[in-house]
PDB file of N, CA and C in Angstrom:
ATOM      1  N   MET A   1       0.837  -1.178   0.000  1.00  0.00           N
ATOM      2  CA  MET A   1       0.000   0.000   0.000  1.00  0.00           C
ATOM      3  C   MET A   1       0.889   1.251   0.000  1.00  0.00           C
ATOM      4  N   THR A   2       0.690   2.123  -0.969  1.00  0.00           N
ATOM      5  CA  THR A   2       1.424   3.368  -1.015  1.00  0.00           C
ATOM      6  C   THR A   2       0.734   4.375  -0.113  1.00  0.00           C
ATOM      7  N   ILE A   3       1.467   4.889   0.829  1.00  0.00           N
ATOM      8  CA  ILE A   3       0.887   5.845   1.762  1.00  0.00           C
ATOM      9  C   ILE A   3       0.891   7.233   1.159  1.00  0.00           C
ATOM     10  N   ILE A   4       2.023   7.612   0.580  1.00  0.00           N
ATOM     11  CA  ILE A   4       2.160   8.938  -0.002  1.00  0.00           C
ATOM     12  C   ILE A   4       2.464   8.774  -1.481  1.00  0.00           C
ATOM     13  N   PRO A   5       1.571   9.223  -2.339  1.00  0.00           N
ATOM     14  CA  PRO A   5       1.841   9.127  -3.774  1.00  0.00           C
ATOM     15  C   PRO A   5       3.120   9.888  -4.134  1.00  0.00           C
ATOM     16  N   SER A   6       3.897   9.342  -5.045  1.00  0.00           N
ATOM     17  CA  SER A   6       5.184   9.950  -5.398  1.00  0.00           C
ATOM     18  C   SER A   6       5.036  11.336  -6.018  1.00  0.00           C
ATOM     19  N   ASP A   7       3.862  11.654  -6.521  1.00  0.00           N
ATOM     20  CA  ASP A   7       3.666  12.972  -7.123  1.00  0.00           C
ATOM     21  C   ASP A   7       3.035  13.971  -6.145  1.00  0.00           C
ATOM     22  N   PHE A   8       2.869  13.584  -4.874  1.00  0.00           N
ATOM     23  CA  PHE A   8       2.248  14.481  -3.894  1.00  0.00           C
ATOM     24  C   PHE A   8       3.288  15.392  -3.267  1.00  0.00           C
ATOM     25  N   SER A   9       2.997  16.676  -3.280  1.00  0.00           N
ATOM     26  CA  SER A   9       3.768  17.668  -2.538  1.00  0.00           C
ATOM     27  C   SER A   9       2.764  18.518  -1.775  1.00  0.00           C
ATOM     28  N   GLY A  10       2.992  18.674  -0.495  1.00  0.00           N
ATOM     29  CA  GLY A  10       2.069  19.421   0.350  1.00  0.00           C
ATOM     30  C   GLY A  10       2.195  18.947   1.781  1.00  0.00           C
ATOM     31  N   PHE A  11       1.083  18.958   2.489  1.00  0.00           N
ATOM     32  CA  PHE A  11       1.095  18.617   3.903  1.00  0.00           C
ATOM     33  C   PHE A  11       0.183  17.439   4.209  1.00  0.00           C
ATOM     34  N   ILE A  12       0.620  16.655   5.173  1.00  0.00           N
ATOM     35  CA  ILE A  12      -0.203  15.614   5.768  1.00  0.00           C
ATOM     36  C   ILE A  12      -0.334  15.990   7.235  1.00  0.00           C
ATOM     37  N   ALA A  13      -1.554  16.015   7.722  1.00  0.00           N
ATOM     38  CA  ALA A  13      -1.804  16.267   9.142  1.00  0.00           C
ATOM     39  C   ALA A  13      -2.539  15.066   9.711  1.00  0.00           C
ATOM     40  N   VAL A  14      -2.136  14.655  10.901  1.00  0.00           N
ATOM     41  CA  VAL A  14      -2.797  13.552  11.594  1.00  0.00           C
ATOM     42  C   VAL A  14      -3.290  14.092  12.928  1.00  0.00           C
ATOM     43  N   VAL A  15      -4.588  13.895  13.181  1.00  0.00           N
ATOM     44  CA  VAL A  15      -5.234  14.420  14.379  1.00  0.00           C
ATOM     45  C   VAL A  15      -6.173  13.368  14.958  1.00  0.00           C
ATOM     46  N   LYS A  16      -6.666  13.649  16.163  1.00  0.00           N
ATOM     47  CA  LYS A  16      -7.761  12.861  16.729  1.00  0.00           C
ATOM     48  C   LYS A  16      -8.631  13.808  17.536  1.00  0.00           C
ATOM     49  N   GLU A  17      -9.923  13.537  17.514  1.00  0.00           N
ATOM     50  CA  GLU A  17     -10.878  14.400  18.209  1.00  0.00           C
ATOM     51  C   GLU A  17     -10.658  14.377  19.720  1.00  0.00           C
ATOM     52  N   ASP A  18     -10.205  13.253  20.233  1.00  0.00           N
ATOM     53  CA  ASP A  18      -9.993  13.091  21.663  1.00  0.00           C
ATOM     54  C   ASP A  18      -8.645  13.669  22.095  1.00  0.00           C
ATOM     55  N   CYS A  19      -8.289  14.831  21.546  1.00  0.00           N
ATOM     56  CA  CYS A  19      -7.032  15.500  21.875  1.00  0.00           C
ATOM     57  C   CYS A  19      -7.323  16.994  21.986  1.00  0.00           C
ATOM     58  N   SER A  20      -7.060  17.556  23.147  1.00  0.00           N
ATOM     59  CA  SER A  20      -7.377  18.973  23.347  1.00  0.00           C
ATOM     60  C   SER A  20      -6.566  19.880  22.424  1.00  0.00           C
ATOM     61  N   THR A  21      -5.345  19.510  22.104  1.00  0.00           N
ATOM     62  CA  THR A  21      -4.538  20.327  21.190  1.00  0.00           C
ATOM     63  C   THR A  21      -5.101  20.262  19.778  1.00  0.00           C
ATOM     64  N   CYS A  22      -5.525  19.097  19.350  1.00  0.00           N
ATOM     65  CA  CYS A  22      -6.131  18.957  18.012  1.00  0.00           C
ATOM     66  C   CYS A  22      -7.402  19.795  17.920  1.00  0.00           C
ATOM     67  N   LYS A  23      -8.206  19.780  18.977  1.00  0.00           N
ATOM     68  CA  LYS A  23      -9.422  20.601  18.996  1.00  0.00           C
ATOM     69  C   LYS A  23      -9.066  22.085  18.976  1.00  0.00           C
ATOM     70  N   LEU A  24      -8.033  22.460  19.706  1.00  0.00           N
ATOM     71  CA  LEU A  24      -7.588  23.850  19.751  1.00  0.00           C
ATOM     72  C   LEU A  24      -7.238  24.372  18.359  1.00  0.00           C
ATOM     73  N   ILE A  25      -6.513  23.573  17.587  1.00  0.00           N
ATOM     74  CA  ILE A  25      -6.023  24.049  16.283  1.00  0.00           C
ATOM     75  C   ILE A  25      -6.968  23.745  15.126  1.00  0.00           C
ATOM     76  N   GLU A  26      -8.111  23.173  15.413  1.00  0.00           N
ATOM     77  CA  GLU A  26      -9.092  22.851  14.362  1.00  0.00           C
ATOM     78  C   GLU A  26      -9.336  24.019  13.404  1.00  0.00           C
ATOM     79  N   PRO A  27      -9.421  25.270  13.868  1.00  0.00           N
ATOM     80  CA  PRO A  27      -9.710  26.379  12.942  1.00  0.00           C
ATOM     81  C   PRO A  27      -8.608  26.688  11.919  1.00  0.00           C
ATOM     82  N   ILE A  28      -7.398  26.186  12.113  1.00  0.00           N
ATOM     83  CA  ILE A  28      -6.310  26.552  11.190  1.00  0.00           C
ATOM     84  C   ILE A  28      -6.278  25.711   9.917  1.00  0.00           C
ATOM     85  N   PHE A  29      -6.921  24.560   9.910  1.00  0.00           N
ATOM     86  CA  PHE A  29      -6.799  23.664   8.771  1.00  0.00           C
ATOM     87  C   PHE A  29      -7.358  24.220   7.464  1.00  0.00           C
ATOM     88  N   PRO A  30      -8.479  24.935   7.474  1.00  0.00           N
ATOM     89  CA  PRO A  30      -8.933  25.528   6.211  1.00  0.00           C
ATOM     90  C   PRO A  30      -7.926  26.525   5.635  1.00  0.00           C
ATOM     91  N   GLU A  31      -7.249  27.247   6.514  1.00  0.00           N
ATOM     92  CA  GLU A  31      -6.250  28.213   6.066  1.00  0.00           C
ATOM     93  C   GLU A  31      -5.057  27.511   5.413  1.00  0.00           C
ATOM     94  N   ILE A  32      -4.623  26.412   6.023  1.00  0.00           N
ATOM     95  CA  ILE A  32      -3.526  25.639   5.425  1.00  0.00           C
ATOM     96  C   ILE A  32      -3.977  25.069   4.086  1.00  0.00           C
ATOM     97  N   LYS A  33      -5.194  24.517   4.065  1.00  0.00           N
ATOM     98  CA  LYS A  33      -5.716  23.903   2.841  1.00  0.00           C
ATOM     99  C   LYS A  33      -5.888  24.917   1.711  1.00  0.00           C
ATOM    100  N   LYS A  34      -6.190  26.142   2.064  1.00  0.00           N
ATOM    101  CA  LYS A  34      -6.339  27.193   1.056  1.00  0.00           C
ATOM    102  C   LYS A  34      -4.989  27.521   0.409  1.00  0.00           C
ATOM    103  N   ALA A  35      -3.915  27.422   1.180  1.00  0.00           N
ATOM    104  CA  ALA A  35      -2.582  27.785   0.702  1.00  0.00           C
ATOM    105  C   ALA A  35      -1.792  26.622   0.109  1.00  0.00           C
ATOM    106  N   HIS A  36      -2.108  25.395   0.512  1.00  0.00           N
ATOM    107  CA  HIS A  36      -1.302  24.226   0.126  1.00  0.00           C
ATOM    108  C   HIS A  36      -2.188  22.990  -0.016  1.00  0.00           C
ATOM    109  N   PRO A  37      -1.738  22.014  -0.792  1.00  0.00           N
ATOM    110  CA  PRO A  37      -2.425  20.722  -0.752  1.00  0.00           C
ATOM    111  C   PRO A  37      -2.325  20.151   0.673  1.00  0.00           C
ATOM    112  N   LEU A  38      -3.423  19.616   1.167  1.00  0.00           N
ATOM    113  CA  LEU A  38      -3.470  19.085   2.527  1.00  0.00           C
ATOM    114  C   LEU A  38      -4.252  17.785   2.531  1.00  0.00           C
ATOM    115  N   ARG A  39      -3.634  16.753   3.084  1.00  0.00           N
ATOM    116  CA  ARG A  39      -4.303  15.481   3.352  1.00  0.00           C
ATOM    117  C   ARG A  39      -4.443  15.382   4.859  1.00  0.00           C
ATOM    118  N   LEU A  40      -5.684  15.408   5.341  1.00  0.00           N
ATOM    119  CA  LEU A  40      -5.949  15.421   6.769  1.00  0.00           C
ATOM    120  C   LEU A  40      -6.507  14.076   7.194  1.00  0.00           C
ATOM    121  N   HIS A  41      -5.818  13.409   8.117  1.00  0.00           N
ATOM    122  CA  HIS A  41      -6.189  12.080   8.589  1.00  0.00           C
ATOM    123  C   HIS A  41      -6.660  12.168  10.037  1.00  0.00           C
ATOM    124  N   SER A  42      -7.812  11.568  10.326  1.00  0.00           N
ATOM    125  CA  SER A  42      -8.347  11.556  11.681  1.00  0.00           C
ATOM    126  C   SER A  42      -8.325  10.139  12.234  1.00  0.00           C
ATOM    127  N   GLN A  43      -7.751   9.990  13.420  1.00  0.00           N
ATOM    128  CA  GLN A  43      -7.592   8.669  14.018  1.00  0.00           C
ATOM    129  C   GLN A  43      -8.839   8.130  14.697  1.00  0.00           C
ATOM    130  N   ASP A  44      -9.750   9.003  15.096  1.00  0.00           N
ATOM    131  CA  ASP A  44     -10.865   8.486  15.891  1.00  0.00           C
ATOM    132  C   ASP A  44     -12.252   8.927  15.432  1.00  0.00           C
ATOM    133  N   ASN A  45     -12.333   9.879  14.523  1.00  0.00           N
ATOM    134  CA  ASN A  45     -13.635  10.328  14.040  1.00  0.00           C
ATOM    135  C   ASN A  45     -13.468  10.920  12.653  1.00  0.00           C
ATOM    136  N   PRO A  46     -13.943  10.249  11.620  1.00  0.00           N
ATOM    137  CA  PRO A  46     -13.768  10.756  10.264  1.00  0.00           C
ATOM    138  C   PRO A  46     -14.511  12.057   9.987  1.00  0.00           C
ATOM    139  N   ASP A  47     -15.325  12.521  10.934  1.00  0.00           N
ATOM    140  CA  ASP A  47     -16.001  13.812  10.793  1.00  0.00           C
ATOM    141  C   ASP A  47     -15.241  14.931  11.515  1.00  0.00           C
ATOM    142  N   PHE A  48     -14.083  14.612  12.068  1.00  0.00           N
ATOM    143  CA  PHE A  48     -13.266  15.601  12.754  1.00  0.00           C
ATOM    144  C   PHE A  48     -11.966  15.789  11.991  1.00  0.00           C
ATOM    145  N   PRO A  49     -11.551  17.004  11.808  1.00  0.00           N
ATOM    146  CA  PRO A  49     -12.184  18.252  12.210  1.00  0.00           C
ATOM    147  C   PRO A  49     -13.318  18.644  11.268  1.00  0.00           C
ATOM    148  N   THR A  50     -14.277  19.328  11.808  1.00  0.00           N
ATOM    149  CA  THR A  50     -15.449  19.728  11.018  1.00  0.00           C
ATOM    150  C   THR A  50     -15.145  20.883  10.080  1.00  0.00           C
ATOM    151  N   THR A  51     -13.996  21.516  10.252  1.00  0.00           N
ATOM    152  CA  THR A  51     -13.625  22.666   9.422  1.00  0.00           C
ATOM    153  C   THR A  51     -13.122  22.265   8.045  1.00  0.00           C
ATOM    154  N   VAL A  52     -12.907  20.968   7.828  1.00  0.00           N
ATOM    155  CA  VAL A  52     -12.423  20.457   6.541  1.00  0.00           C
ATOM    156  C   VAL A  52     -13.376  19.363   6.085  1.00  0.00           C
ATOM    157  N   SER A  53     -13.755  19.398   4.816  1.00  0.00           N
ATOM    158  CA  SER A  53     -14.781  18.475   4.337  1.00  0.00           C
ATOM    159  C   SER A  53     -14.259  17.104   3.910  1.00  0.00           C
ATOM    160  N   ASP A  54     -13.022  16.992   3.520  1.00  0.00           N
ATOM    161  CA  ASP A  54     -12.537  15.717   2.968  1.00  0.00           C
ATOM    162  C   ASP A  54     -11.509  15.044   3.873  1.00  0.00           C
ATOM    163  N   VAL A  55     -11.879  14.870   5.143  1.00  0.00           N
ATOM    164  CA  VAL A  55     -11.023  14.205   6.113  1.00  0.00           C
ATOM    165  C   VAL A  55     -10.901  12.732   5.735  1.00  0.00           C
ATOM    166  N   ILE A  56      -9.697  12.202   5.870  1.00  0.00           N
ATOM    167  CA  ILE A  56      -9.442  10.800   5.555  1.00  0.00           C
ATOM    168  C   ILE A  56      -9.560   9.986   6.842  1.00  0.00           C
ATOM    169  N   ASP A  57     -10.380   8.951   6.792  1.00  0.00           N
ATOM    170  CA  ASP A  57     -10.648   8.083   7.941  1.00  0.00           C
ATOM    171  C   ASP A  57      -9.430   7.197   8.220  1.00  0.00           C
ATOM    172  N   ASP A  58      -8.813   7.401   9.366  1.00  0.00           N
ATOM    173  CA  ASP A  58      -7.698   6.551   9.778  1.00  0.00           C
ATOM    174  C   ASP A  58      -8.028   5.830  11.085  1.00  0.00           C
ATOM    175  N   THR A  59      -9.306   5.518  11.275  1.00  0.00           N
ATOM    176  CA  THR A  59      -9.699   4.838  12.511  1.00  0.00           C
ATOM    177  C   THR A  59      -9.104   3.431  12.613  1.00  0.00           C
ATOM    178  N   GLU A  60      -8.701   2.868  11.503  1.00  0.00           N
ATOM    179  CA  GLU A  60      -8.006   1.569  11.531  1.00  0.00           C
ATOM    180  C   GLU A  60      -6.527   1.759  11.882  1.00  0.00           C
ATOM    181  N   LEU A  61      -6.057   3.007  11.865  1.00  0.00           N
ATOM    182  CA  LEU A  61      -4.703   3.419  12.245  1.00  0.00           C
ATOM    183  C   LEU A  61      -3.613   2.910  11.312  1.00  0.00           C
ATOM    184  N   GLU A  62      -3.979   2.442  10.160  1.00  0.00           N
ATOM    185  CA  GLU A  62      -3.005   1.945   9.179  1.00  0.00           C
ATOM    186  C   GLU A  62      -2.035   3.046   8.752  1.00  0.00           C
ATOM    187  N   ILE A  63      -2.576   4.195   8.424  1.00  0.00           N
ATOM    188  CA  ILE A  63      -1.735   5.297   7.945  1.00  0.00           C
ATOM    189  C   ILE A  63      -0.872   5.822   9.087  1.00  0.00           C
ATOM    190  N   SER A  64      -1.461   6.002  10.253  1.00  0.00           N
ATOM    191  CA  SER A  64      -0.694   6.474  11.408  1.00  0.00           C
ATOM    192  C   SER A  64       0.456   5.530  11.734  1.00  0.00           C
ATOM    193  N   TYR A  65       0.190   4.252  11.678  1.00  0.00           N
ATOM    194  CA  TYR A  65       1.232   3.266  11.958  1.00  0.00           C
ATOM    195  C   TYR A  65       2.351   3.352  10.931  1.00  0.00           C
ATOM    196  N   ARG A  66       1.980   3.396   9.664  1.00  0.00           N
ATOM    197  CA  ARG A  66       2.991   3.442   8.597  1.00  0.00           C
ATOM    198  C   ARG A  66       3.777   4.750   8.577  1.00  0.00           C
ATOM    199  N   LEU A  67       3.142   5.835   9.010  1.00  0.00           N
ATOM    200  CA  LEU A  67       3.838   7.126   9.085  1.00  0.00           C
ATOM    201  C   LEU A  67       4.577   7.305  10.412  1.00  0.00           C
ATOM    202  N   GLU A  68       4.478   6.290  11.285  1.00  0.00           N
ATOM    203  CA  GLU A  68       5.151   6.302  12.584  1.00  0.00           C
ATOM    204  C   GLU A  68       4.738   7.516  13.422  1.00  0.00           C
ATOM    205  N   ILE A  69       3.426   7.735  13.485  1.00  0.00           N
ATOM    206  CA  ILE A  69       2.881   8.837  14.264  1.00  0.00           C
ATOM    207  C   ILE A  69       2.873   8.440  15.737  1.00  0.00           C
ATOM    208  N   GLU A  70       3.551   9.226  16.569  1.00  0.00           N
ATOM    209  CA  GLU A  70       3.577   8.972  18.007  1.00  0.00           C
ATOM    210  C   GLU A  70       2.811  10.023  18.794  1.00  0.00           C
ATOM    211  N   ILE A  71       2.699  11.232  18.241  1.00  0.00           N
ATOM    212  CA  ILE A  71       2.026  12.349  18.895  1.00  0.00           C
ATOM    213  C   ILE A  71       1.077  12.984  17.876  1.00  0.00           C
ATOM    214  N   VAL A  72      -0.097  13.393  18.334  1.00  0.00           N
ATOM    215  CA  VAL A  72      -0.994  14.187  17.499  1.00  0.00           C
ATOM    216  C   VAL A  72      -1.212  15.522  18.194  1.00  0.00           C
ATOM    217  N   PRO A  73      -1.375  16.587  17.479  1.00  0.00           N
ATOM    218  CA  PRO A  73      -1.325  16.645  16.026  1.00  0.00           C
ATOM    219  C   PRO A  73       0.107  16.504  15.511  1.00  0.00           C
ATOM    220  N   THR A  74       0.209  15.923  14.328  1.00  0.00           N
ATOM    221  CA  THR A  74       1.470  15.877  13.599  1.00  0.00           C
ATOM    222  C   THR A  74       1.227  16.513  12.250  1.00  0.00           C
ATOM    223  N   LEU A  75       2.127  17.395  11.855  1.00  0.00           N
ATOM    224  CA  LEU A  75       2.087  18.018  10.536  1.00  0.00           C
ATOM    225  C   LEU A  75       3.362  17.624   9.814  1.00  0.00           C
ATOM    226  N   ILE A  76       3.198  17.006   8.640  1.00  0.00           N
ATOM    227  CA  ILE A  76       4.338  16.528   7.864  1.00  0.00           C
ATOM    228  C   ILE A  76       4.366  17.266   6.532  1.00  0.00           C
ATOM    229  N   TYR A  77       5.528  17.820   6.202  1.00  0.00           N
ATOM    230  CA  TYR A  77       5.707  18.458   4.901  1.00  0.00           C
ATOM    231  C   TYR A  77       6.289  17.426   3.945  1.00  0.00           C
ATOM    232  N   ILE A  78       5.611  17.236   2.817  1.00  0.00           N
ATOM    233  CA  ILE A  78       5.984  16.241   1.816  1.00  0.00           C
ATOM    234  C   ILE A  78       6.373  16.950   0.529  1.00  0.00           C
ATOM    235  N   GLU A  79       7.454  16.506  -0.076  1.00  0.00           N
ATOM    236  CA  GLU A  79       7.885  17.031  -1.369  1.00  0.00           C
ATOM    237  C   GLU A  79       8.130  15.844  -2.299  1.00  0.00           C
ATOM    238  N   SER A  80       7.381  15.785  -3.387  1.00  0.00           N
ATOM    239  CA  SER A  80       7.487  14.687  -4.362  1.00  0.00           C
ATOM    240  C   SER A  80       7.420  13.321  -3.683  1.00  0.00           C
ATOM    241  N   GLY A  81       6.465  13.176  -2.757  1.00  0.00           N
ATOM    242  CA  GLY A  81       6.227  11.893  -2.111  1.00  0.00           C
ATOM    243  C   GLY A  81       7.162  11.562  -0.965  1.00  0.00           C
ATOM    244  N   GLU A  82       8.111  12.437  -0.658  1.00  0.00           N
ATOM    245  CA  GLU A  82       9.084  12.174   0.395  1.00  0.00           C
ATOM    246  C   GLU A  82       8.908  13.145   1.558  1.00  0.00           C
ATOM    247  N   GLU A  83       9.003  12.625   2.773  1.00  0.00           N
ATOM    248  CA  GLU A  83       8.917  13.482   3.949  1.00  0.00           C
ATOM    249  C   GLU A  83      10.143  14.379   4.040  1.00  0.00           C
ATOM    250  N   VAL A  84       9.888  15.676   4.220  1.00  0.00           N
ATOM    251  CA  VAL A  84      10.961  16.650   4.356  1.00  0.00           C
ATOM    252  C   VAL A  84      11.097  17.100   5.811  1.00  0.00           C
ATOM    253  N   MET A  85       9.961  17.333   6.453  1.00  0.00           N
ATOM    254  CA  MET A  85       9.982  17.824   7.831  1.00  0.00           C
ATOM    255  C   MET A  85       8.692  17.429   8.540  1.00  0.00           C
ATOM    256  N   ARG A  86       8.793  17.331   9.857  1.00  0.00           N
ATOM    257  CA  ARG A  86       7.644  16.932  10.668  1.00  0.00           C
ATOM    258  C   ARG A  86       7.602  17.780  11.939  1.00  0.00           C
ATOM    259  N   LEU A  87       6.395  18.209  12.295  1.00  0.00           N
ATOM    260  CA  LEU A  87       6.161  18.926  13.549  1.00  0.00           C
ATOM    261  C   LEU A  87       5.152  18.145  14.370  1.00  0.00           C
ATOM    262  N   VAL A  88       5.354  18.100  15.689  1.00  0.00           N
ATOM    263  CA  VAL A  88       4.399  17.438  16.572  1.00  0.00           C
ATOM    264  C   VAL A  88       3.935  18.424  17.619  1.00  0.00           C
ATOM    265  N   GLY A  89       2.686  18.282  18.031  1.00  0.00           N
ATOM    266  CA  GLY A  89       2.109  19.246  18.955  1.00  0.00           C
ATOM    267  C   GLY A  89       1.894  20.564  18.234  1.00  0.00           C
ATOM    268  N   TRP A  90       1.582  21.595  18.984  1.00  0.00           N
ATOM    269  CA  TRP A  90       1.324  22.917  18.400  1.00  0.00           C
ATOM    270  C   TRP A  90       2.320  23.914  18.965  1.00  0.00           C
ATOM    271  N   LYS A  91       3.178  24.416  18.122  1.00  0.00           N
ATOM    272  CA  LYS A  91       4.043  25.536  18.437  1.00  0.00           C
ATOM    273  C   LYS A  91       3.854  26.519  17.288  1.00  0.00           C
ATOM    274  N   ARG A  92       3.090  27.569  17.550  1.00  0.00           N
ATOM    275  CA  ARG A  92       2.621  28.473  16.505  1.00  0.00           C
ATOM    276  C   ARG A  92       3.734  28.945  15.563  1.00  0.00           C
ATOM    277  N   ASP A  93       4.861  29.382  16.101  1.00  0.00           N
ATOM    278  CA  ASP A  93       5.934  29.896  15.245  1.00  0.00           C
ATOM    279  C   ASP A  93       6.468  28.827  14.294  1.00  0.00           C
ATOM    280  N   ASP A  94       6.589  27.608  14.771  1.00  0.00           N
ATOM    281  CA  ASP A  94       7.080  26.519  13.912  1.00  0.00           C
ATOM    282  C   ASP A  94       6.083  26.204  12.789  1.00  0.00           C
ATOM    283  N   TRP A  95       4.797  26.158  13.130  1.00  0.00           N
ATOM    284  CA  TRP A  95       3.776  25.884  12.120  1.00  0.00           C
ATOM    285  C   TRP A  95       3.731  27.014  11.097  1.00  0.00           C
ATOM    286  N   ARG A  96       3.884  28.256  11.551  1.00  0.00           N
ATOM    287  CA  ARG A  96       3.900  29.395  10.630  1.00  0.00           C
ATOM    288  C   ARG A  96       5.093  29.307   9.685  1.00  0.00           C
ATOM    289  N   GLU A  97       6.240  28.983  10.233  1.00  0.00           N
ATOM    290  CA  GLU A  97       7.444  28.895   9.404  1.00  0.00           C
ATOM    291  C   GLU A  97       7.317  27.784   8.361  1.00  0.00           C
ATOM    292  N   LEU A  98       6.849  26.625   8.780  1.00  0.00           N
ATOM    293  CA  LEU A  98       6.749  25.502   7.855  1.00  0.00           C
ATOM    294  C   LEU A  98       5.699  25.737   6.769  1.00  0.00           C
ATOM    295  N   THR A  99       4.561  26.294   7.153  1.00  0.00           N
ATOM    296  CA  THR A  99       3.489  26.517   6.167  1.00  0.00           C
ATOM    297  C   THR A  99       3.655  27.828   5.401  1.00  0.00           C
ATOM    298  N   ARG A 100       4.528  28.691   5.887  1.00  0.00           N
ATOM    299  CA  ARG A 100       4.728  30.021   5.281  1.00  0.00           C
ATOM    300  C   ARG A 100       3.442  30.850   5.329  1.00  0.00           C
ATOM    301  N   ILE A 101       2.653  30.651   6.383  1.00  0.00           N
ATOM    302  CA  ILE A 101       1.433  31.430   6.604  1.00  0.00           C
ATOM    303  C   ILE A 101       1.664  32.275   7.859  1.00  0.00           C
ATOM    304  N   GLU A 102       1.985  33.539   7.675  1.00  0.00           N
ATOM    305  CA  GLU A 102       2.396  34.418   8.768  1.00  0.00           C
ATOM    306  C   GLU A 102       1.335  34.611   9.842  1.00  0.00           C
ATOM    307  N   SER A 103       0.073  34.572   9.474  1.00  0.00           N
ATOM    308  CA  SER A 103      -0.994  34.835  10.439  1.00  0.00           C
ATOM    309  C   SER A 103      -1.598  33.552  11.015  1.00  0.00           C
ATOM    310  N   LEU A 104      -1.048  32.420  10.696  1.00  0.00           N
ATOM    311  CA  LEU A 104      -1.619  31.144  11.143  1.00  0.00           C
ATOM    312  C   LEU A 104      -1.725  31.103  12.666  1.00  0.00           C
ATOM    313  N   GLY A 105      -2.910  30.867  13.162  1.00  0.00           N
ATOM    314  CA  GLY A 105      -3.138  30.714  14.589  1.00  0.00           C
ATOM    315  C   GLY A 105      -3.040  31.991  15.392  1.00  0.00           C
ATOM    316  N   ASP A 106      -3.297  33.135  14.763  1.00  0.00           N
ATOM    317  CA  ASP A 106      -3.232  34.416  15.476  1.00  0.00           C
ATOM    318  C   ASP A 106      -4.049  34.418  16.765  1.00  0.00           C
ATOM    319  N   ASP A 107      -5.187  33.766  16.750  1.00  0.00           N
ATOM    320  CA  ASP A 107      -6.089  33.775  17.909  1.00  0.00           C
ATOM    321  C   ASP A 107      -5.829  32.628  18.883  1.00  0.00           C
ATOM    322  N   LEU A 108      -4.782  31.850  18.640  1.00  0.00           N
ATOM    323  CA  LEU A 108      -4.503  30.682  19.472  1.00  0.00           C
ATOM    324  C   LEU A 108      -3.319  30.928  20.400  1.00  0.00           C
ATOM    325  N   VAL A 109      -3.225  30.126  21.442  1.00  0.00           N
ATOM    326  CA  VAL A 109      -2.059  30.180  22.317  1.00  0.00           C
ATOM    327  C   VAL A 109      -0.813  29.842  21.504  1.00  0.00           C
ATOM    328  N   GLU A 110       0.336  30.260  21.988  1.00  0.00           N
ATOM    329  CA  GLU A 110       1.580  30.028  21.244  1.00  0.00           C
ATOM    330  C   GLU A 110       2.006  28.563  21.246  1.00  0.00           C
ATOM    331  N   PHE A 111       1.675  27.843  22.312  1.00  0.00           N
ATOM    332  CA  PHE A 111       2.154  26.465  22.448  1.00  0.00           C
ATOM    333  C   PHE A 111       1.130  25.611  23.166  1.00  0.00           C
ATOM    334  N   SER A 112       0.986  24.399  22.690  1.00  0.00           N
ATOM    335  CA  SER A 112       0.195  23.392  23.378  1.00  0.00           C
ATOM    336  C   SER A 112       0.778  22.030  23.002  1.00  0.00           C
ATOM    337  N   PRO A 113       1.162  21.221  23.990  1.00  0.00           N
ATOM    338  CA  PRO A 113       1.732  19.917  23.664  1.00  0.00           C
ATOM    339  C   PRO A 113       0.668  19.038  23.029  1.00  0.00           C
ATOM    340  N   GLY A 114       1.096  18.073  22.291  1.00  0.00           N
ATOM    341  CA  GLY A 114       0.157  17.148  21.684  1.00  0.00           C
ATOM    342  C   GLY A 114      -0.248  16.046  22.635  1.00  0.00           C
ATOM    343  N   CYS A 115      -0.943  15.076  22.085  1.00  0.00           N
ATOM    344  CA  CYS A 115      -1.416  13.922  22.829  1.00  0.00           C
ATOM    345  C   CYS A 115      -0.816  12.664  22.199  1.00  0.00           C
ATOM    346  N   GLY A 116      -0.842  11.588  22.922  1.00  0.00           N
ATOM    347  CA  GLY A 116      -0.341  10.332  22.378  1.00  0.00           C
ATOM    348  C   GLY A 116      -1.216   9.851  21.228  1.00  0.00           C
ATOM    349  N   SER A 117      -0.554   9.381  20.193  1.00  0.00           N
ATOM    350  CA  SER A 117      -1.265   8.832  19.044  1.00  0.00           C
ATOM    351  C   SER A 117      -1.970   7.537  19.425  1.00  0.00           C
ATOM    352  N   LYS A 118      -3.143   7.315  18.863  1.00  0.00           N
ATOM    353  CA  LYS A 118      -3.862   6.064  19.096  1.00  0.00           C
ATOM    354  C   LYS A 118      -3.068   4.866  18.572  1.00  0.00           C
ATOM    355  N   SER A 119      -2.190   5.102  17.593  1.00  0.00           N
ATOM    356  CA  SER A 119      -1.426   4.008  17.008  1.00  0.00           C
ATOM    357  C   SER A 119      -0.328   3.485  17.948  1.00  0.00           C
ATOM    358  N   VAL A 120      -0.060   4.183  19.048  1.00  0.00           N
ATOM    359  CA  VAL A 120       0.916   3.701  20.017  1.00  0.00           C
ATOM    360  C   VAL A 120       0.263   3.367  21.351  1.00  0.00           C
ATOM    361  N   ASP A 121      -1.057   3.387  21.411  1.00  0.00           N
ATOM    362  CA  ASP A 121      -1.773   2.989  22.626  1.00  0.00           C
ATOM    363  C   ASP A 121      -1.477   1.515  22.907  1.00  0.00           C
ATOM    364  N   PRO A 122      -1.368   1.166  24.190  1.00  0.00           N
ATOM    365  CA  PRO A 122      -1.148  -0.263  24.522  1.00  0.00           C
ATOM    366  C   PRO A 122      -2.345  -1.103  24.148  1.00  0.00           C
TER     367      PRO A 122
END
């Protein structure tokens, strides 16, 4: 199974509804999607986040496992199908730098740690 198509360049985000940090940053995903290709994977509810219409269901955790997701939210920058950089948790300045969106998360706290990924639950 190919997780990341070789012609994909953009962002992959992995979240779960049962994570306060993921809920906190829910409003930023439409802004990222407007600026860049975004594949958003939800570990526990394919209707979360509600701010994006084409969330990919990862309740089976196949994608999270293959991407070695340990913390959510995770934001991965992909270039031509290859991972270039990864951020875990929410640190506003880092997310702004990686996405090149200067106003990203203006209304949010500067930092919030992530939660454990469901793919590493015992």
